[in-house]
PDB file of N, CA and C in Angstrom:
ATOM      1  N   MET A   1      -7.082  -4.199   6.285  1.00  0.00           N
ATOM      2  CA  MET A   1      -6.811  -2.832   5.690  1.00  0.00           C
ATOM      3  C   MET A   1      -7.574  -2.469   4.455  1.00  0.00           C
ATOM      4  N   GLU A   2      -7.873  -3.572   3.655  1.00  0.00           N
ATOM      5  CA  GLU A   2      -8.611  -3.105   2.494  1.00  0.00           C
ATOM      6  C   GLU A   2     -10.177  -2.677   2.734  1.00  0.00           C
ATOM      7  N   THR A   3     -10.773  -3.033   3.642  1.00  0.00           N
ATOM      8  CA  THR A   3     -11.965  -2.766   3.940  1.00  0.00           C
ATOM      9  C   THR A   3     -12.187  -1.332   4.848  1.00  0.00           C
ATOM     10  N   GLY A   4     -10.995  -0.747   5.036  1.00  0.00           N
ATOM     11  CA  GLY A   4     -10.986   0.480   6.091  1.00  0.00           C
ATOM     12  C   GLY A   4      -9.975   1.332   5.642  1.00  0.00           C
ATOM     13  N   THR A   5      -8.792   1.239   5.884  1.00  0.00           N
ATOM     14  CA  THR A   5      -7.523   2.015   5.917  1.00  0.00           C
ATOM     15  C   THR A   5      -7.324   2.345   4.287  1.00  0.00           C
ATOM     16  N   PHE A   6      -7.346   1.356   3.391  1.00  0.00           N
ATOM     17  CA  PHE A   6      -7.184   1.624   1.984  1.00  0.00           C
ATOM     18  C   PHE A   6      -8.298   2.412   1.284  1.00  0.00           C
ATOM     19  N   LEU A   7      -9.509   2.409   1.960  1.00  0.00           N
ATOM     20  CA  LEU A   7     -10.632   3.032   1.193  1.00  0.00           C
ATOM     21  C   LEU A   7     -10.438   4.602   1.834  1.00  0.00           C
ATOM     22  N   ASN A   8      -9.758   4.967   2.879  1.00  0.00           N
ATOM     23  CA  ASN A   8      -9.796   6.329   3.338  1.00  0.00           C
ATOM     24  C   ASN A   8      -9.424   7.156   2.194  1.00  0.00           C
ATOM     25  N   ALA A   9     -10.108   8.303   2.001  1.00  0.00           N
ATOM     26  CA  ALA A   9      -9.769   9.222   0.631  1.00  0.00           C
ATOM     27  C   ALA A   9      -8.313  10.044   1.078  1.00  0.00           C
ATOM     28  N   ASP A  10      -8.114  10.267   2.402  1.00  0.00           N
ATOM     29  CA  ASP A  10      -6.531  10.790   2.683  1.00  0.00           C
ATOM     30  C   ASP A  10      -5.444   9.967   2.198  1.00  0.00           C
ATOM     31  N   VAL A  11      -5.691   8.552   2.576  1.00  0.00           N
ATOM     32  CA  VAL A  11      -4.701   7.331   2.196  1.00  0.00           C
ATOM     33  C   VAL A  11      -4.614   7.355   0.699  1.00  0.00           C
ATOM     34  N   GLN A  12      -5.796   7.193  -0.066  1.00  0.00           N
ATOM     35  CA  GLN A  12      -5.829   7.225  -1.453  1.00  0.00           C
ATOM     36  C   GLN A  12      -5.138   8.230  -2.160  1.00  0.00           C
ATOM     37  N   SER A  13      -5.559   9.484  -1.694  1.00  0.00           N
ATOM     38  CA  SER A  13      -4.815  10.702  -2.120  1.00  0.00           C
ATOM     39  C   SER A  13      -3.416  10.705  -1.905  1.00  0.00           C
ATOM     40  N   TYR A  14      -2.885  10.392  -0.740  1.00  0.00           N
ATOM     41  CA  TYR A  14      -1.410  10.314  -0.434  1.00  0.00           C
ATOM     42  C   TYR A  14      -0.614   9.432  -1.382  1.00  0.00           C
ATOM     43  N   ILE A  15      -1.190   8.091  -1.434  1.00  0.00           N
ATOM     44  CA  ILE A  15      -0.584   7.035  -2.227  1.00  0.00           C
ATOM     45  C   ILE A  15      -0.390   7.582  -3.902  1.00  0.00           C
ATOM     46  N   ASN A  16      -1.605   8.102  -4.275  1.00  0.00           N
ATOM     47  CA  ASN A  16      -1.683   8.311  -5.521  1.00  0.00           C
ATOM     48  C   ASN A  16      -0.654   9.447  -6.053  1.00  0.00           C
ATOM     49  N   GLN A  17      -0.506  10.414  -4.950  1.00  0.00           N
ATOM     50  CA  GLN A  17       0.369  11.569  -5.215  1.00  0.00           C
ATOM     51  C   GLN A  17       1.844  11.149  -5.142  1.00  0.00           C
ATOM     52  N   ASN A  18       2.050  10.175  -4.328  1.00  0.00           N
ATOM     53  CA  ASN A  18       3.682  10.092  -4.060  1.00  0.00           C
ATOM     54  C   ASN A  18       4.120   8.603  -4.288  1.00  0.00           C
ATOM     55  N   TYR A  19       3.390   7.716  -4.745  1.00  0.00           N
ATOM     56  CA  TYR A  19       3.768   6.243  -4.987  1.00  0.00           C
ATOM     57  C   TYR A  19       3.089   5.694  -6.274  1.00  0.00           C
ATOM     58  N   VAL A  20       3.773   4.476  -6.658  1.00  0.00           N
ATOM     59  CA  VAL A  20       3.334   3.605  -7.502  1.00  0.00           C
ATOM     60  C   VAL A  20       2.889   2.496  -6.788  1.00  0.00           C
ATOM     61  N   PRO A  21       1.485   2.363  -6.353  1.00  0.00           N
ATOM     62  CA  PRO A  21       1.124   1.105  -5.529  1.00  0.00           C
ATOM     63  C   PRO A  21       1.164  -0.279  -6.372  1.00  0.00           C
ATOM     64  N   LEU A  22       1.592  -1.202  -5.565  1.00  0.00           N
ATOM     65  CA  LEU A  22       1.341  -2.589  -6.202  1.00  0.00           C
ATOM     66  C   LEU A  22       1.112  -3.540  -5.052  1.00  0.00           C
ATOM     67  N   GLN A  23       0.211  -4.548  -5.244  1.00  0.00           N
ATOM     68  CA  GLN A  23      -0.331  -5.359  -4.211  1.00  0.00           C
ATOM     69  C   GLN A  23       0.007  -6.634  -4.556  1.00  0.00           C
ATOM     70  N   TYR A  24       0.393  -7.636  -3.565  1.00  0.00           N
ATOM     71  CA  TYR A  24       0.649  -9.122  -3.860  1.00  0.00           C
ATOM     72  C   TYR A  24      -0.227  -9.624  -2.799  1.00  0.00           C
ATOM     73  N   GLU A  25      -0.864 -10.862  -3.181  1.00  0.00           N
ATOM     74  CA  GLU A  25      -1.693 -11.557  -2.380  1.00  0.00           C
ATOM     75  C   GLU A  25      -1.062 -12.879  -1.815  1.00  0.00           C
ATOM     76  N   SER A  26      -1.157 -13.036  -0.544  1.00  0.00           N
ATOM     77  CA  SER A  26      -0.652 -14.354   0.005  1.00  0.00           C
ATOM     78  C   SER A  26      -1.129 -15.424  -0.659  1.00  0.00           C
ATOM     79  N   GLY A  27      -0.276 -16.472  -0.814  1.00  0.00           N
ATOM     80  CA  GLY A  27      -0.600 -17.723  -1.483  1.00  0.00           C
ATOM     81  C   GLY A  27      -0.593 -17.572  -3.095  1.00  0.00           C
ATOM     82  N   ARG A  28      -1.236 -16.735  -3.730  1.00  0.00           N
ATOM     83  CA  ARG A  28      -1.347 -16.619  -5.091  1.00  0.00           C
ATOM     84  C   ARG A  28       0.052 -15.867  -5.645  1.00  0.00           C
ATOM     85  N   ASP A  29       0.813 -15.123  -4.776  1.00  0.00           N
ATOM     86  CA  ASP A  29       1.879 -14.527  -5.055  1.00  0.00           C
ATOM     87  C   ASP A  29       3.019 -14.933  -4.343  1.00  0.00           C
ATOM     88  N   ALA A  30       3.023 -16.274  -3.870  1.00  0.00           N
ATOM     89  CA  ALA A  30       4.080 -16.766  -3.163  1.00  0.00           C
ATOM     90  C   ALA A  30       5.615 -16.533  -3.406  1.00  0.00           C
ATOM     91  N   GLU A  31       5.843 -16.278  -4.543  1.00  0.00           N
ATOM     92  CA  GLU A  31       7.236 -16.153  -5.143  1.00  0.00           C
ATOM     93  C   GLU A  31       7.728 -14.673  -4.683  1.00  0.00           C
ATOM     94  N   GLN A  32       6.715 -13.760  -4.799  1.00  0.00           N
ATOM     95  CA  GLN A  32       7.145 -12.466  -4.362  1.00  0.00           C
ATOM     96  C   GLN A  32       7.129 -12.252  -2.889  1.00  0.00           C
ATOM     97  N   PHE A  33       6.419 -13.113  -1.980  1.00  0.00           N
ATOM     98  CA  PHE A  33       6.362 -13.115  -0.711  1.00  0.00           C
ATOM     99  C   PHE A  33       7.856 -13.669  -0.301  1.00  0.00           C
ATOM    100  N   HIS A  34       8.485 -14.618  -1.143  1.00  0.00           N
ATOM    101  CA  HIS A  34       9.621 -15.267  -0.776  1.00  0.00           C
ATOM    102  C   HIS A  34      10.708 -14.213  -1.218  1.00  0.00           C
ATOM    103  N   ARG A  35      10.453 -13.513  -2.236  1.00  0.00           N
ATOM    104  CA  ARG A  35      11.510 -12.784  -2.690  1.00  0.00           C
ATOM    105  C   ARG A  35      11.766 -11.523  -1.694  1.00  0.00           C
ATOM    106  N   PHE A  36      10.798 -11.034  -1.142  1.00  0.00           N
ATOM    107  CA  PHE A  36      10.887  -9.957  -0.097  1.00  0.00           C
ATOM    108  C   PHE A  36      10.976 -10.214   1.184  1.00  0.00           C
ATOM    109  N   GLY A  37      10.926 -11.554   1.464  1.00  0.00           N
ATOM    110  CA  GLY A  37      11.113 -12.119   2.986  1.00  0.00           C
ATOM    111  C   GLY A  37       9.909 -11.602   3.893  1.00  0.00           C
ATOM    112  N   ILE A  38       8.816 -11.783   3.265  1.00  0.00           N
ATOM    113  CA  ILE A  38       7.575 -11.466   4.044  1.00  0.00           C
ATOM    114  C   ILE A  38       7.138 -12.753   4.736  1.00  0.00           C
ATOM    115  N   THR A  39       6.975 -12.477   6.059  1.00  0.00           N
ATOM    116  CA  THR A  39       6.582 -13.524   6.850  1.00  0.00           C
ATOM    117  C   THR A  39       5.309 -13.321   7.689  1.00  0.00           C
ATOM    118  N   ALA A  40       4.781 -12.107   7.549  1.00  0.00           N
ATOM    119  CA  ALA A  40       3.338 -11.834   8.215  1.00  0.00           C
ATOM    120  C   ALA A  40       2.761 -10.894   7.406  1.00  0.00           C
ATOM    121  N   THR A  41       1.247 -10.720   7.504  1.00  0.00           N
ATOM    122  CA  THR A  41       0.618  -9.735   6.567  1.00  0.00           C
ATOM    123  C   THR A  41      -0.290  -9.122   7.629  1.00  0.00           C
ATOM    124  N   PRO A  42      -0.550  -7.782   7.386  1.00  0.00           N
ATOM    125  CA  PRO A  42       0.067  -7.071   6.173  1.00  0.00           C
ATOM    126  C   PRO A  42       1.522  -6.573   6.525  1.00  0.00           C
ATOM    127  N   THR A  43       2.150  -6.529   5.174  1.00  0.00           N
ATOM    128  CA  THR A  43       3.382  -6.020   5.245  1.00  0.00           C
ATOM    129  C   THR A  43       3.389  -5.015   4.259  1.00  0.00           C
ATOM    130  N   HIS A  44       3.975  -3.757   4.486  1.00  0.00           N
ATOM    131  CA  HIS A  44       3.996  -2.844   3.531  1.00  0.00           C
ATOM    132  C   HIS A  44       5.520  -2.454   3.423  1.00  0.00           C
ATOM    133  N   ILE A  45       6.086  -2.541   1.913  1.00  0.00           N
ATOM    134  CA  ILE A  45       7.475  -2.271   1.536  1.00  0.00           C
ATOM    135  C   ILE A  45       7.451  -1.033   0.546  1.00  0.00           C
ATOM    136  N   ILE A  46       8.470  -0.131   0.989  1.00  0.00           N
ATOM    137  CA  ILE A  46       8.500   0.874   0.217  1.00  0.00           C
ATOM    138  C   ILE A  46       9.967   0.775  -0.659  1.00  0.00           C
ATOM    139  N   LEU A  47      10.004   0.843  -1.775  1.00  0.00           N
ATOM    140  CA  LEU A  47      11.128   0.666  -2.766  1.00  0.00           C
ATOM    141  C   LEU A  47      11.403   1.896  -3.309  1.00  0.00           C
ATOM    142  N   ASN A  48      12.963   2.157  -3.529  1.00  0.00           N
ATOM    143  CA  ASN A  48      13.139   3.463  -4.174  1.00  0.00           C
ATOM    144  C   ASN A  48      13.273   3.035  -5.747  1.00  0.00           C
ATOM    145  N   ALA A  49      13.518   4.170  -6.554  1.00  0.00           N
ATOM    146  CA  ALA A  49      13.563   3.885  -7.917  1.00  0.00           C
ATOM    147  C   ALA A  49      14.337   2.944  -8.615  1.00  0.00           C
ATOM    148  N   GLN A  50      15.524   2.505  -7.820  1.00  0.00           N
ATOM    149  CA  GLN A  50      16.444   1.425  -8.263  1.00  0.00           C
ATOM    150  C   GLN A  50      15.962   0.123  -7.723  1.00  0.00           C
ATOM    151  N   GLY A  51      14.699  -0.099  -7.046  1.00  0.00           N
ATOM    152  CA  GLY A  51      14.128  -1.368  -6.528  1.00  0.00           C
ATOM    153  C   GLY A  51      14.866  -1.654  -5.194  1.00  0.00           C
ATOM    154  N   ASP A  52      15.514  -0.746  -4.598  1.00  0.00           N
ATOM    155  CA  ASP A  52      15.894  -1.077  -3.148  1.00  0.00           C
ATOM    156  C   ASP A  52      15.087  -0.873  -2.147  1.00  0.00           C
ATOM    157  N   GLU A  53      14.805  -1.673  -0.964  1.00  0.00           N
ATOM    158  CA  GLU A  53      13.927  -1.609  -0.032  1.00  0.00           C
ATOM    159  C   GLU A  53      14.310  -0.247   1.048  1.00  0.00           C
ATOM    160  N   ILE A  54      13.584   0.704   1.141  1.00  0.00           N
ATOM    161  CA  ILE A  54      13.825   1.871   1.928  1.00  0.00           C
ATOM    162  C   ILE A  54      13.034   1.952   3.142  1.00  0.00           C
ATOM    163  N   HIS A  55      12.029   1.322   3.210  1.00  0.00           N
ATOM    164  CA  HIS A  55      11.163   1.313   4.423  1.00  0.00           C
ATOM    165  C   HIS A  55      10.289   0.206   4.534  1.00  0.00           C
ATOM    166  N   ARG A  56       9.988  -0.346   5.651  1.00  0.00           N
ATOM    167  CA  ARG A  56       9.077  -1.476   5.829  1.00  0.00           C
ATOM    168  C   ARG A  56       8.241  -1.488   6.950  1.00  0.00           C
ATOM    169  N   SER A  57       6.933  -1.606   7.090  1.00  0.00           N
ATOM    170  CA  SER A  57       6.142  -1.792   8.132  1.00  0.00           C
ATOM    171  C   SER A  57       5.368  -2.870   7.990  1.00  0.00           C
ATOM    172  N   VAL A  58       5.275  -3.625   9.446  1.00  0.00           N
ATOM    173  CA  VAL A  58       4.293  -4.922   9.455  1.00  0.00           C
ATOM    174  C   VAL A  58       3.089  -4.820  10.437  1.00  0.00           C
ATOM    175  N   GLY A  59       1.975  -5.197  10.002  1.00  0.00           N
ATOM    176  CA  GLY A  59       0.951  -5.103  10.868  1.00  0.00           C
ATOM    177  C   GLY A  59      -0.071  -4.054  10.388  1.00  0.00           C
ATOM    178  N   PHE A  60      -1.354  -4.230  10.921  1.00  0.00           N
ATOM    179  CA  PHE A  60      -2.398  -3.368  10.712  1.00  0.00           C
ATOM    180  C   PHE A  60      -2.270  -1.715  11.085  1.00  0.00           C
ATOM    181  N   LYS A  61      -2.494  -1.001  10.181  1.00  0.00           N
ATOM    182  CA  LYS A  61      -2.425   0.542  10.572  1.00  0.00           C
ATOM    183  C   LYS A  61      -3.845   1.237  10.209  1.00  0.00           C
ATOM    184  N   ASP A  62      -4.153   2.052  11.215  1.00  0.00           N
ATOM    185  CA  ASP A  62      -5.378   2.716  10.729  1.00  0.00           C
ATOM    186  C   ASP A  62      -4.864   4.043   9.524  1.00  0.00           C
ATOM    187  N   ALA A  63      -5.864   4.955   8.988  1.00  0.00           N
ATOM    188  CA  ALA A  63      -5.330   5.942   8.269  1.00  0.00           C
ATOM    189  C   ALA A  63      -4.181   6.644   8.519  1.00  0.00           C
ATOM    190  N   LYS A  64      -4.395   7.142   9.810  1.00  0.00           N
ATOM    191  CA  LYS A  64      -3.399   8.143  10.377  1.00  0.00           C
ATOM    192  C   LYS A  64      -1.967   7.523  10.343  1.00  0.00           C
ATOM    193  N   ASP A  65      -2.018   6.372  11.036  1.00  0.00           N
ATOM    194  CA  ASP A  65      -0.679   5.594  11.106  1.00  0.00           C
ATOM    195  C   ASP A  65       0.021   5.247   9.804  1.00  0.00           C
ATOM    196  N   PHE A  66      -0.818   4.644   8.961  1.00  0.00           N
ATOM    197  CA  PHE A  66      -0.401   4.247   7.549  1.00  0.00           C
ATOM    198  C   PHE A  66       0.269   5.435   6.988  1.00  0.00           C
ATOM    199  N   ILE A  67      -0.413   6.539   6.976  1.00  0.00           N
ATOM    200  CA  ILE A  67       0.115   7.744   6.292  1.00  0.00           C
ATOM    201  C   ILE A  67       1.522   8.256   6.917  1.00  0.00           C
ATOM    202  N   ALA A  68       1.504   8.027   8.188  1.00  0.00           N
ATOM    203  CA  ALA A  68       2.949   8.298   8.646  1.00  0.00           C
ATOM    204  C   ALA A  68       3.980   7.541   8.557  1.00  0.00           C
ATOM    205  N   GLU A  69       3.611   6.111   8.276  1.00  0.00           N
ATOM    206  CA  GLU A  69       4.505   5.107   7.742  1.00  0.00           C
ATOM    207  C   GLU A  69       4.994   5.497   6.348  1.00  0.00           C
ATOM    208  N   LEU A  70       3.836   6.038   5.517  1.00  0.00           N
ATOM    209  CA  LEU A  70       4.228   6.377   3.929  1.00  0.00           C
ATOM    210  C   LEU A  70       5.146   7.566   4.134  1.00  0.00           C
ATOM    211  N   GLU A  71       5.055   8.535   5.185  1.00  0.00           N
ATOM    212  CA  GLU A  71       5.904   9.764   5.106  1.00  0.00           C
ATOM    213  C   GLU A  71       7.276   9.063   5.415  1.00  0.00           C
ATOM    214  N   LYS A  72       7.490   8.258   6.336  1.00  0.00           N
ATOM    215  CA  LYS A  72       8.738   7.733   6.756  1.00  0.00           C
ATOM    216  C   LYS A  72       9.238   7.226   5.532  1.00  0.00           C
ATOM    217  N   GLY A  73       8.628   6.680   4.683  1.00  0.00           N
ATOM    218  CA  GLY A  73       9.290   6.031   3.462  1.00  0.00           C
ATOM    219  C   GLY A  73       9.624   6.979   2.562  1.00  0.00           C
ATOM    220  N   ARG A  74       9.078   8.047   2.541  1.00  0.00           N
ATOM    221  CA  ARG A  74       9.507   9.323   1.765  1.00  0.00           C
ATOM    222  C   ARG A  74      10.625  10.126   2.381  1.00  0.00           C
ATOM    223  N   GLY A  75      10.774   9.774   3.482  1.00  0.00           N
ATOM    224  CA  GLY A  75      11.784  10.429   4.518  1.00  0.00           C
ATOM    225  C   GLY A  75      11.372  12.142   4.795  1.00  0.00           C
ATOM    226  N   THR A  76      10.042  12.082   4.995  1.00  0.00           N
ATOM    227  CA  THR A  76       9.408  13.448   5.272  1.00  0.00           C
ATOM    228  C   THR A  76       9.171  13.395   6.732  1.00  0.00           C
ATOM    229  N   THR A  77       9.338  12.470   7.544  1.00  0.00           N
ATOM    230  CA  THR A  77       9.260  12.540   9.104  1.00  0.00           C
ATOM    231  C   THR A  77      10.416  11.800   9.678  1.00  0.00           C
ATOM    232  N   ALA A  78      10.642  11.817  10.856  1.00  0.00           N
ATOM    233  CA  ALA A  78      11.782  11.381  11.632  1.00  0.00           C
ATOM    234  C   ALA A  78      11.396  10.097  11.824  1.00  0.00           C
TER     235      ALA A  78
END
């Protein structure tokens, strides 16, 4: 996703307007992978202001599908 989806201008704009992004890397950030129970990559987790998980998606998403997942995390779609 780093070489495609994340480079999409619409994805970047949506994230920058609605989220505070944070990225962990497999292996280097093993403690965080364990903390969040991540068993596959890519995994995208959306937390609320209190740090509670409110949405999770696993697997590759193209730009359109990834924005749809981000919208679900904000509660803006069904």
